[in-house]
PDB file of all heavy atoms in Angstrom:
ATOM      1  N   GLY A   1      77.109 110.884  75.105  1.00  0.00           N
ATOM      2  CA  GLY A   1      75.770 111.421  74.855  1.00  0.00           C
ATOM      3  C   GLY A   1      75.567 111.574  73.365  1.00  0.00           C
ATOM      4  O   GLY A   1      74.501 111.232  72.835  1.00  0.00           O
ATOM      5  N   THR A   2      76.590 112.100  72.692  1.00  0.00           N
ATOM      6  CA  THR A   2      76.587 112.081  71.229  1.00  0.00           C
ATOM      7  C   THR A   2      76.873 110.662  70.760  1.00  0.00           C
ATOM      8  O   THR A   2      76.271 110.159  69.804  1.00  0.00           O
ATOM      9  CB  THR A   2      77.646 113.043  70.665  1.00  0.00           C
ATOM     10  OG1 THR A   2      77.341 114.370  71.090  1.00  0.00           O
ATOM     11  CG2 THR A   2      77.678 112.991  69.137  1.00  0.00           C
ATOM     12  N   VAL A   3      77.801 110.018  71.439  1.00  0.00           N
ATOM     13  CA  VAL A   3      78.110 108.602  71.218  1.00  0.00           C
ATOM     14  C   VAL A   3      78.196 107.914  72.574  1.00  0.00           C
ATOM     15  O   VAL A   3      78.286 108.566  73.610  1.00  0.00           O
ATOM     16  CB  VAL A   3      79.452 108.407  70.473  1.00  0.00           C
ATOM     17  CG1 VAL A   3      79.387 108.954  69.074  1.00  0.00           C
ATOM     18  CG2 VAL A   3      80.596 109.056  71.253  1.00  0.00           C
ATOM     19  N   GLY A   4      78.161 106.594  72.564  1.00  0.00           N
ATOM     20  CA  GLY A   4      78.416 105.851  73.777  1.00  0.00           C
ATOM     21  C   GLY A   4      79.910 105.694  73.981  1.00  0.00           C
ATOM     22  O   GLY A   4      80.702 105.832  73.042  1.00  0.00           O
ATOM     23  N   ILE A   5      80.318 105.419  75.203  1.00  0.00           N
ATOM     24  CA  ILE A   5      81.727 105.120  75.494  1.00  0.00           C
ATOM     25  C   ILE A   5      81.781 103.888  76.381  1.00  0.00           C
ATOM     26  O   ILE A   5      80.784 103.524  77.023  1.00  0.00           O
ATOM     27  CB  ILE A   5      82.452 106.297  76.174  1.00  0.00           C
ATOM     28  CG1 ILE A   5      81.815 106.634  77.525  1.00  0.00           C
ATOM     29  CG2 ILE A   5      82.468 107.525  75.271  1.00  0.00           C
ATOM     30  CD1 ILE A   5      82.592 107.654  78.346  1.00  0.00           C
ATOM     31  N   ASP A   6      82.927 103.234  76.412  1.00  0.00           N
ATOM     32  CA  ASP A   6      83.047 102.047  77.244  1.00  0.00           C
ATOM     33  C   ASP A   6      83.135 102.419  78.721  1.00  0.00           C
ATOM     34  O   ASP A   6      82.305 102.023  79.526  1.00  0.00           O
ATOM     35  CB  ASP A   6      84.254 101.211  76.808  1.00  0.00           C
ATOM     36  CG  ASP A   6      85.550 102.016  76.733  1.00  0.00           C
ATOM     37  OD1 ASP A   6      85.506 103.261  76.818  1.00  0.00           O
ATOM     38  OD2 ASP A   6      86.625 101.394  76.572  1.00  0.00           O
ATOM     39  N   MET A   7      84.104 103.206  79.089  1.00  0.00           N
ATOM     40  CA  MET A   7      84.305 103.637  80.471  1.00  0.00           C
ATOM     41  C   MET A   7      85.421 104.672  80.495  1.00  0.00           C
ATOM     42  O   MET A   7      86.143 104.829  79.512  1.00  0.00           O
ATOM     43  CB  MET A   7      84.676 102.455  81.377  1.00  0.00           C
ATOM     44  CG  MET A   7      85.984 101.785  81.012  1.00  0.00           C
ATOM     45  SD  MET A   7      86.386 100.324  82.019  1.00  0.00           S
ATOM     46  CE  MET A   7      85.277  99.095  81.335  1.00  0.00           C
ATOM     47  N   ILE A   8      85.533 105.369  81.604  1.00  0.00           N
ATOM     48  CA  ILE A   8      86.670 106.258  81.823  1.00  0.00           C
ATOM     49  C   ILE A   8      87.612 105.533  82.775  1.00  0.00           C
ATOM     50  O   ILE A   8      87.339 105.405  83.964  1.00  0.00           O
ATOM     51  CB  ILE A   8      86.245 107.611  82.418  1.00  0.00           C
ATOM     52  CG1 ILE A   8      85.256 108.313  81.496  1.00  0.00           C
ATOM     53  CG2 ILE A   8      87.461 108.485  82.666  1.00  0.00           C
ATOM     54  CD1 ILE A   8      85.810 108.652  80.133  1.00  0.00           C
ATOM     55  N   ALA A   9      88.695 105.026  82.235  1.00  0.00           N
ATOM     56  CA  ALA A   9      89.604 104.199  83.031  1.00  0.00           C
ATOM     57  C   ALA A   9      90.644 105.053  83.741  1.00  0.00           C
ATOM     58  O   ALA A   9      91.219 105.969  83.160  1.00  0.00           O
ATOM     59  CB  ALA A   9      90.291 103.175  82.137  1.00  0.00           C
ATOM     60  N   GLY A  10      90.866 104.718  84.999  1.00  0.00           N
ATOM     61  CA  GLY A  10      91.924 105.367  85.757  1.00  0.00           C
ATOM     62  C   GLY A  10      93.201 104.541  85.691  1.00  0.00           C
ATOM     63  O   GLY A  10      93.304 103.614  84.887  1.00  0.00           O
ATOM     64  N   PRO A  11      94.171 104.834  86.543  1.00  0.00           N
ATOM     65  CA  PRO A  11      95.422 104.069  86.558  1.00  0.00           C
ATOM     66  C   PRO A  11      95.165 102.595  86.863  1.00  0.00           C
ATOM     67  O   PRO A  11      94.214 102.241  87.560  1.00  0.00           O
ATOM     68  CB  PRO A  11      96.220 104.731  87.682  1.00  0.00           C
ATOM     69  CG  PRO A  11      95.643 106.101  87.811  1.00  0.00           C
ATOM     70  CD  PRO A  11      94.195 105.953  87.508  1.00  0.00           C
ATOM     71  N   SER A  12      96.014 101.736  86.341  1.00  0.00           N
ATOM     72  CA  SER A  12      95.856 100.301  86.520  1.00  0.00           C
ATOM     73  C   SER A  12      96.125  99.892  87.969  1.00  0.00           C
ATOM     74  O   SER A  12      96.932 100.518  88.665  1.00  0.00           O
ATOM     75  CB  SER A  12      96.809  99.570  85.576  1.00  0.00           C
ATOM     76  OG  SER A  12      96.451  98.225  85.438  1.00  0.00           O
ATOM     77  N   GLU A  13      95.453  98.810  88.414  1.00  0.00           N
ATOM     78  CA  GLU A  13      95.535  98.397  89.814  1.00  0.00           C
ATOM     79  C   GLU A  13      95.649  96.877  89.931  1.00  0.00           C
ATOM     80  O   GLU A  13      95.062  96.142  89.146  1.00  0.00           O
ATOM     81  CB  GLU A  13      94.252  98.797  90.570  1.00  0.00           C
ATOM     82  CG  GLU A  13      93.806 100.222  90.388  1.00  0.00           C
ATOM     83  CD  GLU A  13      92.318 100.393  90.651  1.00  0.00           C
ATOM     84  OE1 GLU A  13      91.603  99.387  90.851  1.00  0.00           O
ATOM     85  OE2 GLU A  13      91.851 101.553  90.629  1.00  0.00           O
ATOM     86  N   ILE A  14      96.355  96.438  90.953  1.00  0.00           N
ATOM     87  CA  ILE A  14      96.336  95.027  91.332  1.00  0.00           C
ATOM     88  C   ILE A  14      96.281  94.920  92.845  1.00  0.00           C
ATOM     89  O   ILE A  14      96.915  95.703  93.564  1.00  0.00           O
ATOM     90  CB  ILE A  14      97.563  94.246  90.800  1.00  0.00           C
ATOM     91  CG1 ILE A  14      97.370  92.749  91.017  1.00  0.00           C
ATOM     92  CG2 ILE A  14      98.851  94.721  91.447  1.00  0.00           C
ATOM     93  CD1 ILE A  14      98.412  91.876  90.349  1.00  0.00           C
ATOM     94  N   LEU A  15      95.490  93.966  93.321  1.00  0.00           N
ATOM     95  CA  LEU A  15      95.432  93.640  94.740  1.00  0.00           C
ATOM     96  C   LEU A  15      95.723  92.146  94.848  1.00  0.00           C
ATOM     97  O   LEU A  15      95.001  91.322  94.288  1.00  0.00           O
ATOM     98  CB  LEU A  15      94.039  93.946  95.308  1.00  0.00           C
ATOM     99  CG  LEU A  15      93.824  93.590  96.771  1.00  0.00           C
ATOM    100  CD1 LEU A  15      94.745  94.408  97.666  1.00  0.00           C
ATOM    101  CD2 LEU A  15      92.370  93.825  97.178  1.00  0.00           C
ATOM    102  N   VAL A  16      96.813  91.800  95.520  1.00  0.00           N
ATOM    103  CA  VAL A  16      97.179  90.398  95.719  1.00  0.00           C
ATOM    104  C   VAL A  16      96.733  89.985  97.114  1.00  0.00           C
ATOM    105  O   VAL A  16      97.197  90.532  98.113  1.00  0.00           O
ATOM    106  CB  VAL A  16      98.697  90.181  95.555  1.00  0.00           C
ATOM    107  CG1 VAL A  16      99.035  88.709  95.776  1.00  0.00           C
ATOM    108  CG2 VAL A  16      99.155  90.627  94.169  1.00  0.00           C
ATOM    109  N   LEU A  17      95.830  89.029  97.162  1.00  0.00           N
ATOM    110  CA  LEU A  17      95.336  88.498  98.425  1.00  0.00           C
ATOM    111  C   LEU A  17      96.042  87.155  98.630  1.00  0.00           C
ATOM    112  O   LEU A  17      95.739  86.182  97.946  1.00  0.00           O
ATOM    113  CB  LEU A  17      93.810  88.324  98.328  1.00  0.00           C
ATOM    114  CG  LEU A  17      92.996  88.159  99.611  1.00  0.00           C
ATOM    115  CD1 LEU A  17      91.519  88.398  99.299  1.00  0.00           C
ATOM    116  CD2 LEU A  17      93.175  86.805 100.230  1.00  0.00           C
ATOM    117  N   CYS A  18      97.002  87.107  99.551  1.00  0.00           N
ATOM    118  CA  CYS A  18      97.877  85.939  99.675  1.00  0.00           C
ATOM    119  C   CYS A  18      97.871  85.388 101.099  1.00  0.00           C
ATOM    120  O   CYS A  18      97.902  86.157 102.070  1.00  0.00           O
ATOM    121  CB  CYS A  18      99.309  86.311  99.269  1.00  0.00           C
ATOM    122  SG  CYS A  18     100.445  84.914  99.229  1.00  0.00           S
ATOM    123  N   ASP A  19      97.821  84.058 101.215  1.00  0.00           N
ATOM    124  CA  ASP A  19      97.829  83.428 102.536  1.00  0.00           C
ATOM    125  C   ASP A  19      99.234  83.138 103.051  1.00  0.00           C
ATOM    126  O   ASP A  19      99.413  82.550 104.121  1.00  0.00           O
ATOM    127  CB  ASP A  19      97.000  82.143 102.517  1.00  0.00           C
ATOM    128  CG  ASP A  19      97.541  81.091 101.550  1.00  0.00           C
ATOM    129  OD1 ASP A  19      98.565  81.364 100.887  1.00  0.00           O
ATOM    130  OD2 ASP A  19      96.925  80.013 101.437  1.00  0.00           O
ATOM    131  N   GLY A  20     100.257  83.508 102.263  1.00  0.00           N
ATOM    132  CA  GLY A  20     101.641  83.312 102.690  1.00  0.00           C
ATOM    133  C   GLY A  20     102.251  82.028 102.202  1.00  0.00           C
ATOM    134  O   GLY A  20     103.382  81.694 102.582  1.00  0.00           O
ATOM    135  N   THR A  21     101.545  81.292 101.328  1.00  0.00           N
ATOM    136  CA  THR A  21     102.073  80.010 100.843  1.00  0.00           C
ATOM    137  C   THR A  21     102.662  80.098  99.437  1.00  0.00           C
ATOM    138  O   THR A  21     103.172  79.107  98.920  1.00  0.00           O
ATOM    139  CB  THR A  21     100.962  78.942 100.836  1.00  0.00           C
ATOM    140  OG1 THR A  21      99.905  79.341  99.950  1.00  0.00           O
ATOM    141  CG2 THR A  21     100.392  78.735 102.233  1.00  0.00           C
ATOM    142  N   THR A  22     102.596  81.252  98.821  1.00  0.00           N
ATOM    143  CA  THR A  22     103.117  81.443  97.464  1.00  0.00           C
ATOM    144  C   THR A  22     104.588  81.858  97.524  1.00  0.00           C
ATOM    145  O   THR A  22     105.027  82.482  98.494  1.00  0.00           O
ATOM    146  CB  THR A  22     102.291  82.518  96.726  1.00  0.00           C
ATOM    147  OG1 THR A  22     100.927  82.121  96.714  1.00  0.00           O
ATOM    148  CG2 THR A  22     102.762  82.707  95.294  1.00  0.00           C
ATOM    149  N   ASN A  23     105.319  81.519  96.491  1.00  0.00           N
ATOM    150  CA  ASN A  23     106.709  81.966  96.392  1.00  0.00           C
ATOM    151  C   ASN A  23     106.737  83.503  96.439  1.00  0.00           C
ATOM    152  O   ASN A  23     106.088  84.154  95.630  1.00  0.00           O
ATOM    153  CB  ASN A  23     107.299  81.480  95.064  1.00  0.00           C
ATOM    154  CG  ASN A  23     108.779  81.765  94.939  1.00  0.00           C
ATOM    155  OD1 ASN A  23     109.271  82.811  95.343  1.00  0.00           O
ATOM    156  ND2 ASN A  23     109.504  80.838  94.333  1.00  0.00           N
ATOM    157  N   PRO A  24     107.454  84.104  97.372  1.00  0.00           N
ATOM    158  CA  PRO A  24     107.464  85.565  97.492  1.00  0.00           C
ATOM    159  C   PRO A  24     107.990  86.262  96.242  1.00  0.00           C
ATOM    160  O   PRO A  24     107.612  87.399  95.962  1.00  0.00           O
ATOM    161  CB  PRO A  24     108.352  85.831  98.710  1.00  0.00           C
ATOM    162  CG  PRO A  24     109.167  84.592  98.872  1.00  0.00           C
ATOM    163  CD  PRO A  24     108.293  83.468  98.416  1.00  0.00           C
ATOM    164  N   ASN A  25     108.862  85.597  95.488  1.00  0.00           N
ATOM    165  CA  ASN A  25     109.338  86.170  94.227  1.00  0.00           C
ATOM    166  C   ASN A  25     108.174  86.378  93.253  1.00  0.00           C
ATOM    167  O   ASN A  25     108.124  87.378  92.537  1.00  0.00           O
ATOM    168  CB  ASN A  25     110.381  85.251  93.577  1.00  0.00           C
ATOM    169  CG  ASN A  25     111.670  85.191  94.356  1.00  0.00           C
ATOM    170  OD1 ASN A  25     111.669  84.949  95.560  1.00  0.00           O
ATOM    171  ND2 ASN A  25     112.785  85.401  93.686  1.00  0.00           N
ATOM    172  N   TRP A  26     107.251  85.405  93.229  1.00  0.00           N
ATOM    173  CA  TRP A  26     106.101  85.506  92.333  1.00  0.00           C
ATOM    174  C   TRP A  26     105.238  86.707  92.714  1.00  0.00           C
ATOM    175  O   TRP A  26     104.789  87.467  91.855  1.00  0.00           O
ATOM    176  CB  TRP A  26     105.263  84.237  92.386  1.00  0.00           C
ATOM    177  CG  TRP A  26     105.965  83.000  91.894  1.00  0.00           C
ATOM    178  CD1 TRP A  26     107.304  82.858  91.625  1.00  0.00           C
ATOM    179  CD2 TRP A  26     105.361  81.731  91.629  1.00  0.00           C
ATOM    180  NE1 TRP A  26     107.568  81.584  91.211  1.00  0.00           N
ATOM    181  CE2 TRP A  26     106.403  80.853  91.202  1.00  0.00           C
ATOM    182  CE3 TRP A  26     104.064  81.241  91.713  1.00  0.00           C
ATOM    183  CZ2 TRP A  26     106.156  79.525  90.864  1.00  0.00           C
ATOM    184  CZ3 TRP A  26     103.814  79.918  91.374  1.00  0.00           C
ATOM    185  CH2 TRP A  26     104.847  79.072  90.946  1.00  0.00           C
ATOM    186  N   VAL A  27     105.008  86.860  94.000  1.00  0.00           N
ATOM    187  CA  VAL A  27     104.164  87.960  94.468  1.00  0.00           C
ATOM    188  C   VAL A  27     104.827  89.298  94.173  1.00  0.00           C
ATOM    189  O   VAL A  27     104.184  90.237  93.692  1.00  0.00           O
ATOM    190  CB  VAL A  27     103.877  87.820  95.980  1.00  0.00           C
ATOM    191  CG1 VAL A  27     103.159  89.060  96.509  1.00  0.00           C
ATOM    192  CG2 VAL A  27     103.034  86.570  96.243  1.00  0.00           C
ATOM    193  N   ALA A  28     106.109  89.395  94.451  1.00  0.00           N
ATOM    194  CA  ALA A  28     106.827  90.647  94.197  1.00  0.00           C
ATOM    195  C   ALA A  28     106.763  91.014  92.717  1.00  0.00           C
ATOM    196  O   ALA A  28     106.532  92.176  92.370  1.00  0.00           O
ATOM    197  CB  ALA A  28     108.280  90.522  94.650  1.00  0.00           C
ATOM    198  N   MET A  29     106.958  90.030  91.846  1.00  0.00           N
ATOM    199  CA  MET A  29     106.944  90.323  90.415  1.00  0.00           C
ATOM    200  C   MET A  29     105.551  90.686  89.925  1.00  0.00           C
ATOM    201  O   MET A  29     105.399  91.511  89.007  1.00  0.00           O
ATOM    202  CB  MET A  29     107.488  89.123  89.627  1.00  0.00           C
ATOM    203  CG  MET A  29     107.890  89.463  88.200  1.00  0.00           C
ATOM    204  SD  MET A  29     109.128  90.811  88.090  1.00  0.00           S
ATOM    205  CE  MET A  29     110.548  90.056  88.897  1.00  0.00           C
ATOM    206  N   ASP A  30     104.519  90.111  90.543  1.00  0.00           N
ATOM    207  CA  ASP A  30     103.153  90.493  90.180  1.00  0.00           C
ATOM    208  C   ASP A  30     102.879  91.951  90.568  1.00  0.00           C
ATOM    209  O   ASP A  30     102.194  92.681  89.852  1.00  0.00           O
ATOM    210  CB  ASP A  30     102.136  89.575  90.871  1.00  0.00           C
ATOM    211  CG  ASP A  30     102.141  88.169  90.276  1.00  0.00           C
ATOM    212  OD1 ASP A  30     102.821  87.958  89.256  1.00  0.00           O
ATOM    213  OD2 ASP A  30     101.465  87.289  90.840  1.00  0.00           O
ATOM    214  N   LEU A  31     103.431  92.377  91.699  1.00  0.00           N
ATOM    215  CA  LEU A  31     103.314  93.778  92.091  1.00  0.00           C
ATOM    216  C   LEU A  31     104.073  94.662  91.114  1.00  0.00           C
ATOM    217  O   LEU A  31     103.597  95.736  90.721  1.00  0.00           O
ATOM    218  CB  LEU A  31     103.838  93.979  93.513  1.00  0.00           C
ATOM    219  CG  LEU A  31     103.103  93.219  94.630  1.00  0.00           C
ATOM    220  CD1 LEU A  31     103.805  93.445  95.969  1.00  0.00           C
ATOM    221  CD2 LEU A  31     101.639  93.619  94.720  1.00  0.00           C
ATOM    222  N   PHE A  32     105.252  94.225  90.708  1.00  0.00           N
ATOM    223  CA  PHE A  32     106.048  94.965  89.718  1.00  0.00           C
ATOM    224  C   PHE A  32     105.294  95.091  88.391  1.00  0.00           C
ATOM    225  O   PHE A  32     105.316  96.142  87.751  1.00  0.00           O
ATOM    226  CB  PHE A  32     107.371  94.237  89.452  1.00  0.00           C
ATOM    227  CG  PHE A  32     108.417  94.404  90.511  1.00  0.00           C
ATOM    228  CD1 PHE A  32     108.174  95.123  91.668  1.00  0.00           C
ATOM    229  CD2 PHE A  32     109.676  93.833  90.348  1.00  0.00           C
ATOM    230  CE1 PHE A  32     109.146  95.273  92.638  1.00  0.00           C
ATOM    231  CE2 PHE A  32     110.667  93.975  91.306  1.00  0.00           C
ATOM    232  CZ  PHE A  32     110.394  94.694  92.461  1.00  0.00           C
ATOM    233  N   ALA A  33     104.687  93.991  87.968  1.00  0.00           N
ATOM    234  CA  ALA A  33     104.038  93.954  86.657  1.00  0.00           C
ATOM    235  C   ALA A  33     102.971  95.028  86.531  1.00  0.00           C
ATOM    236  O   ALA A  33     102.748  95.586  85.450  1.00  0.00           O
ATOM    237  CB  ALA A  33     103.432  92.573  86.413  1.00  0.00           C
ATOM    238  N   GLN A  34     102.304  95.326  87.627  1.00  0.00           N
ATOM    239  CA  GLN A  34     101.301  96.378  87.584  1.00  0.00           C
ATOM    240  C   GLN A  34     101.947  97.742  87.719  1.00  0.00           C
ATOM    241  O   GLN A  34     101.571  98.701  87.041  1.00  0.00           O
ATOM    242  CB  GLN A  34     100.284  96.165  88.711  1.00  0.00           C
ATOM    243  CG  GLN A  34      98.904  96.678  88.408  1.00  0.00           C
ATOM    244  CD  GLN A  34      98.287  95.971  87.220  1.00  0.00           C
ATOM    245  OE1 GLN A  34      98.583  94.814  86.953  1.00  0.00           O
ATOM    246  NE2 GLN A  34      97.447  96.658  86.492  1.00  0.00           N
TER     247      GLN A  34
END
């Protein structure tokens, strides 16, 4: 109100939508990365 702000960010999030054809190691590490 005195100044503008970009946003109030909460904790980081990832949602992996997978059909089961990806290497499970890749998916697990993507979950870890977040």
